[in-house]
Amino acid sequence: MKLAIIATILAGAGCTTELSLHDGAGQSFAGEHTCPLGRLTIRARPDLPPHVVLPPRVDPPPAEIAADPERLQMWNQQQAASHPDLDRFASTFEVSGCRTTELFVCGHPRSDIKDGDWSADIDADGHVGLASSNHVDLPNMTTVDSGVVTSSVVCLPASR
């Protein structure tokens, strides 16, 4: 289930062009649980790798593919290629507040990921399109650094 988590970080004009993953986790939790930021405790959880918290969802192959070993091998390779290496660019955070605790995996959207929640389309003019509705952004700015949208953070709850 996708959660529509849209929040805004209040930042002074020109103060920052990058939204931290830590702040993105807090904003996502605050928006999802209607909990004021001042009541949150946000803790990085490097002991919980993102790929463990959010294991890839893999649907079983269709029966006709599963029955053909060569097609099954090709299908498995395609499935593996469609799941990004979360540990390479995302981090896990535990956020508590308003009598609730939740784990989030957060990362900046990337143009080198072609599909799914973590993908970003960046055109020649620098316009950015994000695939996920589960993102928080700095207001009134978009910052891209080497194909990484640093002004946005995608945070997915472990419970999704």
N, C-alpha and C. Protein backbone atom coordinates (compact mmCIF):
# COMPACT_ATOMS: atom_id res chain seq x y z
N MET A 1 0.85 -1.17 0.00
CA MET A 1 0.00 0.00 0.00
C MET A 1 0.89 1.23 0.00
N LYS A 2 0.61 2.12 -0.92
CA LYS A 2 1.38 3.36 -0.97
C LYS A 2 0.70 4.37 -0.07
N LEU A 3 1.51 5.08 0.67
CA LEU A 3 1.00 6.14 1.52
C LEU A 3 1.36 7.46 0.89
N ALA A 4 0.41 8.34 0.78
CA ALA A 4 0.69 9.66 0.24
C ALA A 4 1.20 10.54 1.36
N ILE A 5 2.50 10.67 1.40
CA ILE A 5 3.12 11.47 2.46
C ILE A 5 3.78 12.66 1.80
N ILE A 6 3.14 13.78 1.84
CA ILE A 6 3.70 14.99 1.27
C ILE A 6 3.83 15.99 2.41
N ALA A 7 5.03 16.46 2.64
CA ALA A 7 5.27 17.42 3.72
C ALA A 7 6.25 18.46 3.23
N THR A 8 6.36 19.52 3.93
CA THR A 8 7.25 20.60 3.56
C THR A 8 8.19 20.91 4.71
N ILE A 9 9.45 21.04 4.39
CA ILE A 9 10.43 21.46 5.37
C ILE A 9 10.47 22.99 5.35
N LEU A 10 10.36 23.59 6.51
CA LEU A 10 10.44 25.03 6.58
C LEU A 10 11.90 25.42 6.73
N ALA A 11 12.45 25.98 5.68
CA ALA A 11 13.86 26.38 5.70
C ALA A 11 13.96 27.82 5.25
N GLY A 12 14.88 28.53 5.80
CA GLY A 12 15.10 29.91 5.38
C GLY A 12 15.57 29.94 3.94
N ALA A 13 15.18 30.95 3.21
CA ALA A 13 15.55 31.06 1.80
C ALA A 13 17.07 31.06 1.68
N GLY A 14 17.57 30.14 0.85
CA GLY A 14 18.99 30.08 0.58
C GLY A 14 19.82 29.45 1.68
N CYS A 15 19.20 28.96 2.76
CA CYS A 15 19.98 28.40 3.87
C CYS A 15 20.54 27.03 3.52
N THR A 16 19.79 26.24 2.79
CA THR A 16 20.24 24.89 2.48
C THR A 16 19.67 24.47 1.14
N THR A 17 20.40 23.61 0.44
CA THR A 17 19.90 23.07 -0.81
C THR A 17 19.79 21.56 -0.75
N GLU A 18 20.07 20.98 0.42
CA GLU A 18 19.95 19.54 0.59
C GLU A 18 19.09 19.23 1.80
N LEU A 19 18.17 18.31 1.62
CA LEU A 19 17.32 17.84 2.70
C LEU A 19 17.96 16.57 3.25
N SER A 20 18.25 16.54 4.54
CA SER A 20 18.89 15.36 5.12
C SER A 20 17.90 14.20 5.20
N LEU A 21 18.43 13.00 5.14
CA LEU A 21 17.59 11.81 5.29
C LEU A 21 16.95 11.79 6.67
N HIS A 22 17.68 12.22 7.68
CA HIS A 22 17.18 12.31 9.06
C HIS A 22 15.94 13.19 9.11
N ASP A 23 16.02 14.40 8.54
CA ASP A 23 14.87 15.31 8.54
C ASP A 23 13.72 14.77 7.70
N GLY A 24 14.05 14.10 6.60
CA GLY A 24 13.01 13.49 5.77
C GLY A 24 12.23 12.43 6.54
N ALA A 25 12.94 11.64 7.34
CA ALA A 25 12.26 10.61 8.15
C ALA A 25 11.30 11.26 9.14
N GLY A 26 11.75 12.33 9.79
CA GLY A 26 10.90 13.03 10.75
C GLY A 26 9.68 13.64 10.09
N GLN A 27 9.88 14.29 8.94
CA GLN A 27 8.75 14.91 8.23
C GLN A 27 7.75 13.85 7.76
N SER A 28 8.26 12.71 7.29
CA SER A 28 7.37 11.65 6.82
C SER A 28 6.52 11.11 7.98
N PHE A 29 7.16 10.85 9.11
CA PHE A 29 6.45 10.35 10.29
C PHE A 29 5.42 11.38 10.76
N ALA A 30 5.84 12.64 10.85
CA ALA A 30 4.93 13.70 11.33
C ALA A 30 3.69 13.80 10.44
N GLY A 31 3.89 13.71 9.13
CA GLY A 31 2.76 13.78 8.21
C GLY A 31 1.85 12.57 8.29
N GLU A 32 2.45 11.40 8.42
CA GLU A 32 1.66 10.17 8.45
C GLU A 32 0.87 10.02 9.75
N HIS A 33 1.47 10.45 10.88
CA HIS A 33 0.85 10.22 12.18
C HIS A 33 0.29 11.49 12.82
N THR A 34 0.29 12.60 12.08
CA THR A 34 -0.21 13.88 12.59
C THR A 34 0.40 14.15 13.97
N CYS A 35 1.72 14.16 14.00
CA CYS A 35 2.47 14.32 15.24
C CYS A 35 3.44 15.49 15.06
N PRO A 36 3.39 16.51 15.91
CA PRO A 36 4.28 17.66 15.77
C PRO A 36 5.76 17.27 15.82
N LEU A 37 6.55 17.93 14.99
CA LEU A 37 7.99 17.64 14.92
C LEU A 37 8.67 17.72 16.27
N GLY A 38 8.24 18.65 17.13
CA GLY A 38 8.86 18.83 18.44
C GLY A 38 8.67 17.64 19.37
N ARG A 39 7.77 16.74 19.04
CA ARG A 39 7.52 15.56 19.88
C ARG A 39 8.24 14.31 19.37
N LEU A 40 9.04 14.45 18.33
CA LEU A 40 9.66 13.28 17.71
C LEU A 40 11.05 13.01 18.24
N THR A 41 11.37 11.74 18.31
CA THR A 41 12.73 11.27 18.52
C THR A 41 13.10 10.48 17.27
N ILE A 42 14.17 10.92 16.61
CA ILE A 42 14.60 10.29 15.36
C ILE A 42 15.99 9.70 15.60
N ARG A 43 16.11 8.42 15.32
CA ARG A 43 17.38 7.75 15.57
C ARG A 43 17.80 6.95 14.34
N ALA A 44 19.01 7.20 13.85
CA ALA A 44 19.56 6.39 12.76
C ALA A 44 19.74 4.97 13.26
N ARG A 45 19.45 4.00 12.40
CA ARG A 45 19.57 2.59 12.77
C ARG A 45 20.50 1.86 11.79
N PRO A 46 21.82 2.14 11.87
CA PRO A 46 22.74 1.46 10.95
C PRO A 46 22.81 -0.05 11.17
N ASP A 47 22.30 -0.53 12.30
CA ASP A 47 22.26 -1.96 12.58
C ASP A 47 21.16 -2.68 11.79
N LEU A 48 20.27 -1.92 11.16
CA LEU A 48 19.18 -2.49 10.36
C LEU A 48 19.36 -2.07 8.90
N PRO A 49 20.02 -2.90 8.10
CA PRO A 49 20.24 -2.54 6.70
C PRO A 49 18.92 -2.31 5.96
N PRO A 50 18.87 -1.31 5.09
CA PRO A 50 17.63 -1.03 4.36
C PRO A 50 17.04 -2.23 3.63
N HIS A 51 17.88 -3.08 3.04
CA HIS A 51 17.34 -4.22 2.29
C HIS A 51 16.67 -5.25 3.20
N VAL A 52 17.00 -5.24 4.50
CA VAL A 52 16.36 -6.14 5.45
C VAL A 52 15.03 -5.55 5.92
N VAL A 53 15.01 -4.24 6.13
CA VAL A 53 13.79 -3.56 6.58
C VAL A 53 12.75 -3.53 5.47
N LEU A 54 13.18 -3.31 4.24
CA LEU A 54 12.29 -3.27 3.07
C LEU A 54 12.73 -4.31 2.06
N PRO A 55 12.50 -5.59 2.32
CA PRO A 55 12.92 -6.59 1.33
C PRO A 55 12.14 -6.40 0.04
N PRO A 56 12.79 -6.68 -1.09
CA PRO A 56 12.09 -6.50 -2.37
C PRO A 56 10.88 -7.42 -2.45
N ARG A 57 9.83 -6.87 -3.01
CA ARG A 57 8.63 -7.67 -3.25
C ARG A 57 8.80 -8.37 -4.60
N VAL A 58 8.75 -9.67 -4.57
CA VAL A 58 8.92 -10.43 -5.81
C VAL A 58 7.69 -11.30 -5.99
N ASP A 59 6.98 -11.03 -7.07
CA ASP A 59 5.82 -11.84 -7.41
C ASP A 59 6.29 -13.15 -8.01
N PRO A 60 5.55 -14.23 -7.80
CA PRO A 60 5.94 -15.49 -8.45
C PRO A 60 5.78 -15.37 -9.96
N PRO A 61 6.59 -16.10 -10.70
CA PRO A 61 6.46 -16.02 -12.16
C PRO A 61 5.15 -16.65 -12.63
N PRO A 62 4.67 -16.21 -13.76
CA PRO A 62 3.50 -16.88 -14.35
C PRO A 62 3.80 -18.36 -14.58
N ALA A 63 2.80 -19.18 -14.54
CA ALA A 63 2.97 -20.64 -14.64
C ALA A 63 3.74 -21.04 -15.89
N GLU A 64 3.46 -20.42 -17.02
CA GLU A 64 4.14 -20.82 -18.27
C GLU A 64 5.64 -20.50 -18.22
N ILE A 65 6.02 -19.44 -17.50
CA ILE A 65 7.44 -19.11 -17.36
C ILE A 65 8.09 -20.04 -16.34
N ALA A 66 7.40 -20.30 -15.23
CA ALA A 66 7.94 -21.19 -14.20
C ALA A 66 8.19 -22.60 -14.73
N ALA A 67 7.43 -23.02 -15.72
CA ALA A 67 7.56 -24.37 -16.28
C ALA A 67 8.72 -24.50 -17.27
N ASP A 68 9.30 -23.39 -17.68
CA ASP A 68 10.37 -23.39 -18.68
C ASP A 68 11.66 -22.90 -18.02
N PRO A 69 12.63 -23.79 -17.73
CA PRO A 69 13.84 -23.41 -16.99
C PRO A 69 14.60 -22.22 -17.60
N GLU A 70 14.68 -22.17 -18.91
CA GLU A 70 15.41 -21.07 -19.55
C GLU A 70 14.68 -19.74 -19.38
N ARG A 71 13.38 -19.76 -19.56
CA ARG A 71 12.58 -18.55 -19.36
C ARG A 71 12.57 -18.15 -17.89
N LEU A 72 12.54 -19.13 -16.98
CA LEU A 72 12.55 -18.84 -15.55
C LEU A 72 13.86 -18.16 -15.15
N GLN A 73 14.98 -18.64 -15.67
CA GLN A 73 16.27 -18.01 -15.37
C GLN A 73 16.26 -16.56 -15.86
N MET A 74 15.76 -16.32 -17.05
CA MET A 74 15.69 -14.96 -17.60
C MET A 74 14.77 -14.09 -16.75
N TRP A 75 13.63 -14.62 -16.33
CA TRP A 75 12.68 -13.88 -15.51
C TRP A 75 13.31 -13.51 -14.17
N ASN A 76 14.03 -14.46 -13.54
CA ASN A 76 14.69 -14.18 -12.27
C ASN A 76 15.74 -13.10 -12.41
N GLN A 77 16.49 -13.10 -13.50
CA GLN A 77 17.49 -12.05 -13.74
C GLN A 77 16.82 -10.69 -13.90
N GLN A 78 15.71 -10.66 -14.61
CA GLN A 78 14.98 -9.40 -14.79
C GLN A 78 14.44 -8.89 -13.46
N GLN A 79 13.94 -9.79 -12.62
CA GLN A 79 13.43 -9.39 -11.31
C GLN A 79 14.55 -8.81 -10.44
N ALA A 80 15.69 -9.48 -10.43
CA ALA A 80 16.82 -9.00 -9.62
C ALA A 80 17.29 -7.63 -10.09
N ALA A 81 17.31 -7.41 -11.39
CA ALA A 81 17.76 -6.12 -11.93
C ALA A 81 16.79 -4.99 -11.64
N SER A 82 15.53 -5.34 -11.38
CA SER A 82 14.52 -4.30 -11.15
C SER A 82 14.49 -3.79 -9.70
N HIS A 83 15.30 -4.38 -8.81
CA HIS A 83 15.32 -3.97 -7.41
C HIS A 83 16.64 -3.27 -7.11
N PRO A 84 16.59 -2.00 -6.76
CA PRO A 84 17.83 -1.27 -6.50
C PRO A 84 18.53 -1.76 -5.23
N ASP A 85 19.83 -1.53 -5.18
CA ASP A 85 20.64 -1.88 -4.01
C ASP A 85 20.43 -0.79 -2.96
N LEU A 86 19.40 -0.96 -2.13
CA LEU A 86 19.04 0.05 -1.13
C LEU A 86 20.20 0.41 -0.21
N ASP A 87 21.00 -0.57 0.15
CA ASP A 87 22.09 -0.31 1.09
C ASP A 87 23.11 0.67 0.52
N ARG A 88 23.13 0.82 -0.80
CA ARG A 88 24.09 1.72 -1.46
C ARG A 88 23.72 3.19 -1.25
N PHE A 89 22.42 3.50 -1.12
CA PHE A 89 22.03 4.92 -1.10
C PHE A 89 20.99 5.29 -0.05
N ALA A 90 20.46 4.32 0.66
CA ALA A 90 19.40 4.61 1.63
C ALA A 90 19.87 4.28 3.05
N SER A 91 19.13 4.80 4.03
CA SER A 91 19.43 4.56 5.44
C SER A 91 18.13 4.26 6.18
N THR A 92 18.27 3.56 7.29
CA THR A 92 17.11 3.21 8.11
C THR A 92 17.06 4.13 9.32
N PHE A 93 15.85 4.60 9.64
CA PHE A 93 15.62 5.47 10.80
C PHE A 93 14.46 4.93 11.61
N GLU A 94 14.59 5.07 12.93
CA GLU A 94 13.50 4.75 13.84
C GLU A 94 12.97 6.08 14.35
N VAL A 95 11.69 6.31 14.15
CA VAL A 95 11.07 7.56 14.57
C VAL A 95 9.98 7.24 15.59
N SER A 96 10.02 7.96 16.73
CA SER A 96 9.03 7.77 17.79
C SER A 96 8.40 9.10 18.13
N GLY A 97 7.13 9.06 18.45
CA GLY A 97 6.41 10.24 18.88
C GLY A 97 4.93 9.96 18.94
N CYS A 98 4.24 10.69 19.78
CA CYS A 98 2.78 10.55 19.91
C CYS A 98 2.38 9.09 20.12
N ARG A 99 3.11 8.41 20.99
CA ARG A 99 2.85 7.02 21.38
C ARG A 99 2.95 6.02 20.23
N THR A 100 3.77 6.33 19.23
CA THR A 100 3.95 5.45 18.08
C THR A 100 5.43 5.40 17.74
N THR A 101 5.89 4.24 17.30
CA THR A 101 7.26 4.08 16.81
C THR A 101 7.18 3.36 15.47
N GLU A 102 7.98 3.85 14.51
CA GLU A 102 7.97 3.24 13.19
C GLU A 102 9.35 3.33 12.57
N LEU A 103 9.69 2.32 11.79
CA LEU A 103 10.93 2.32 11.02
C LEU A 103 10.65 2.85 9.63
N PHE A 104 11.58 3.67 9.12
CA PHE A 104 11.52 4.18 7.75
C PHE A 104 12.84 3.92 7.07
N VAL A 105 12.79 3.62 5.79
CA VAL A 105 13.98 3.59 4.95
C VAL A 105 13.89 4.83 4.06
N CYS A 106 14.94 5.66 4.13
CA CYS A 106 14.93 6.94 3.43
C CYS A 106 16.15 7.07 2.53
N GLY A 107 15.93 7.67 1.38
CA GLY A 107 17.02 7.95 0.44
C GLY A 107 16.62 9.05 -0.51
N HIS A 108 17.61 9.67 -1.14
CA HIS A 108 17.33 10.69 -2.15
C HIS A 108 16.95 9.99 -3.46
N PRO A 109 15.93 10.51 -4.18
CA PRO A 109 15.59 9.94 -5.49
C PRO A 109 16.78 10.05 -6.43
N ARG A 110 16.91 9.08 -7.34
CA ARG A 110 18.09 9.00 -8.20
C ARG A 110 17.70 8.77 -9.66
N SER A 111 18.44 9.40 -10.56
CA SER A 111 18.18 9.21 -11.98
C SER A 111 18.74 7.89 -12.50
N ASP A 112 19.67 7.26 -11.78
CA ASP A 112 20.23 5.98 -12.23
C ASP A 112 19.32 4.80 -11.90
N ILE A 113 18.23 5.06 -11.20
CA ILE A 113 17.22 4.04 -10.95
C ILE A 113 16.05 4.36 -11.87
N LYS A 114 15.73 3.44 -12.74
CA LYS A 114 14.80 3.73 -13.84
C LYS A 114 13.34 3.50 -13.52
N ASP A 115 13.04 2.82 -12.42
CA ASP A 115 11.64 2.52 -12.15
C ASP A 115 11.45 2.34 -10.65
N GLY A 116 10.29 2.68 -10.15
CA GLY A 116 9.96 2.45 -8.76
C GLY A 116 10.08 3.68 -7.89
N ASP A 117 9.88 3.48 -6.59
CA ASP A 117 9.81 4.58 -5.63
C ASP A 117 11.05 5.46 -5.60
N TRP A 118 12.21 4.91 -5.86
CA TRP A 118 13.46 5.66 -5.70
C TRP A 118 13.89 6.36 -6.99
N SER A 119 13.13 6.21 -8.07
CA SER A 119 13.56 6.75 -9.36
C SER A 119 13.20 8.23 -9.52
N ALA A 120 14.03 8.90 -10.30
CA ALA A 120 13.81 10.30 -10.65
C ALA A 120 14.12 10.48 -12.13
N ASP A 121 13.24 11.18 -12.83
CA ASP A 121 13.50 11.54 -14.22
C ASP A 121 13.97 12.98 -14.24
N ILE A 122 15.13 13.21 -14.82
CA ILE A 122 15.69 14.56 -14.91
C ILE A 122 15.91 14.84 -16.39
N ASP A 123 15.19 15.84 -16.93
CA ASP A 123 15.32 16.13 -18.35
C ASP A 123 16.50 17.07 -18.60
N ALA A 124 16.74 17.36 -19.87
CA ALA A 124 17.90 18.17 -20.26
C ALA A 124 17.86 19.58 -19.68
N ASP A 125 16.67 20.07 -19.36
CA ASP A 125 16.54 21.41 -18.77
C ASP A 125 16.61 21.38 -17.24
N GLY A 126 16.82 20.20 -16.67
CA GLY A 126 16.94 20.10 -15.22
C GLY A 126 15.62 19.92 -14.49
N HIS A 127 14.51 19.75 -15.24
CA HIS A 127 13.22 19.51 -14.60
C HIS A 127 13.19 18.09 -14.04
N VAL A 128 12.66 17.94 -12.84
CA VAL A 128 12.68 16.66 -12.15
C VAL A 128 11.27 16.12 -11.99
N GLY A 129 11.11 14.85 -12.30
CA GLY A 129 9.87 14.13 -12.04
C GLY A 129 10.17 12.97 -11.10
N LEU A 130 9.40 12.85 -10.03
CA LEU A 130 9.61 11.79 -9.06
C LEU A 130 8.53 10.72 -9.22
N ALA A 131 8.94 9.46 -9.14
CA ALA A 131 8.00 8.35 -9.30
C ALA A 131 7.15 8.12 -8.07
N SER A 132 7.67 8.46 -6.91
CA SER A 132 6.99 8.15 -5.65
C SER A 132 6.20 9.33 -5.13
N SER A 133 5.06 9.03 -4.52
CA SER A 133 4.33 10.08 -3.80
C SER A 133 4.80 10.14 -2.34
N ASN A 134 5.69 9.24 -1.96
CA ASN A 134 6.21 9.17 -0.59
C ASN A 134 7.48 10.00 -0.46
N HIS A 135 7.38 11.29 -0.71
CA HIS A 135 8.57 12.12 -0.63
C HIS A 135 8.28 13.41 0.11
N VAL A 136 9.34 13.97 0.68
CA VAL A 136 9.29 15.29 1.30
C VAL A 136 10.33 16.13 0.58
N ASP A 137 10.09 17.44 0.51
CA ASP A 137 10.93 18.30 -0.31
C ASP A 137 11.23 19.62 0.40
N LEU A 138 12.35 20.20 0.02
CA LEU A 138 12.60 21.58 0.41
C LEU A 138 11.63 22.46 -0.39
N PRO A 139 11.11 23.52 0.19
CA PRO A 139 10.14 24.35 -0.54
C PRO A 139 10.81 25.18 -1.63
N ASN A 140 10.12 25.29 -2.74
CA ASN A 140 10.48 26.22 -3.82
C ASN A 140 11.87 26.03 -4.38
N MET A 141 12.39 24.82 -4.35
CA MET A 141 13.69 24.59 -4.98
C MET A 141 13.85 23.12 -5.32
N THR A 142 14.64 22.89 -6.35
CA THR A 142 15.03 21.54 -6.71
C THR A 142 16.52 21.55 -6.91
N THR A 143 17.23 20.68 -6.22
CA THR A 143 18.67 20.60 -6.33
C THR A 143 19.05 19.20 -6.77
N VAL A 144 19.84 19.14 -7.84
CA VAL A 144 20.30 17.86 -8.37
C VAL A 144 21.82 17.88 -8.36
N ASP A 145 22.42 16.83 -7.84
CA ASP A 145 23.87 16.70 -7.80
C ASP A 145 24.24 15.32 -8.35
N SER A 146 24.83 15.30 -9.52
CA SER A 146 25.25 14.04 -10.16
C SER A 146 24.10 13.02 -10.26
N GLY A 147 22.92 13.49 -10.64
CA GLY A 147 21.78 12.60 -10.83
C GLY A 147 21.04 12.23 -9.57
N VAL A 148 21.41 12.84 -8.44
CA VAL A 148 20.73 12.59 -7.17
C VAL A 148 19.95 13.85 -6.79
N VAL A 149 18.65 13.72 -6.53
CA VAL A 149 17.81 14.86 -6.18
C VAL A 149 17.97 15.09 -4.67
N THR A 150 18.90 15.98 -4.32
CA THR A 150 19.24 16.18 -2.90
C THR A 150 18.24 17.06 -2.16
N SER A 151 17.34 17.71 -2.90
CA SER A 151 16.33 18.54 -2.25
C SER A 151 15.07 17.75 -1.90
N SER A 152 15.04 16.45 -2.22
CA SER A 152 13.91 15.57 -1.92
C SER A 152 14.41 14.32 -1.20
N VAL A 153 13.55 13.78 -0.36
CA VAL A 153 13.84 12.51 0.30
C VAL A 153 12.61 11.61 0.17
N VAL A 154 12.84 10.39 -0.29
CA VAL A 154 11.79 9.38 -0.31
C VAL A 154 11.94 8.56 0.96
N CYS A 155 10.85 8.44 1.73
CA CYS A 155 10.85 7.63 2.94
C CYS A 155 9.71 6.62 2.86
N LEU A 156 10.06 5.35 2.96
CA LEU A 156 9.06 4.31 2.92
C LEU A 156 9.01 3.62 4.28
N PRO A 157 7.81 3.49 4.84
CA PRO A 157 7.70 2.82 6.14
C PRO A 157 7.91 1.31 6.00
N ALA A 158 8.49 0.72 7.02
CA ALA A 158 8.74 -0.72 7.00
C ALA A 158 7.43 -1.50 6.92
N SER A 159 6.34 -0.89 7.36
CA SER A 159 5.05 -1.56 7.39
C SER A 159 4.32 -1.56 6.07
N ARG A 160 4.90 -1.01 5.02
CA ARG A 160 4.18 -0.93 3.74
C ARG A 160 3.91 -2.25 3.11
